[in-house]
Amino acid sequence: MLAIACNIDLNRHEVANRVLKNDSSVCRRKNPAAFEKLRHHLMAFFPLENKAIENLSAENVGEILNEVRASIRALRDAGKGG
């Protein structure tokens, strides 16, 4: 929802990296509060992803992340109104 509030596509790796580097110019909709929360979530997420890969397999983590991304896309598309 935070990515939607900022109108950014986190499916693009380079965009996620720019968010992590605190580059708010990736936002197509200015929402400083949402951007800052999103950045903090991403900063917390990446170590969790690495820990999951250690405990699961990279393939399993990839499958889980693909499901999460699909859910995010569905929410984003639903918000477009058609």
Foldseek 3Di string as FASTA:
>chain_A
DLCLQQVAQVVDVVLLVCLLVVNSVRGPHDDVVSSVVVNVVSVVVPVVLVVVCVVDPVVVSVVVVVVVSVVVVVVNVVVVVD
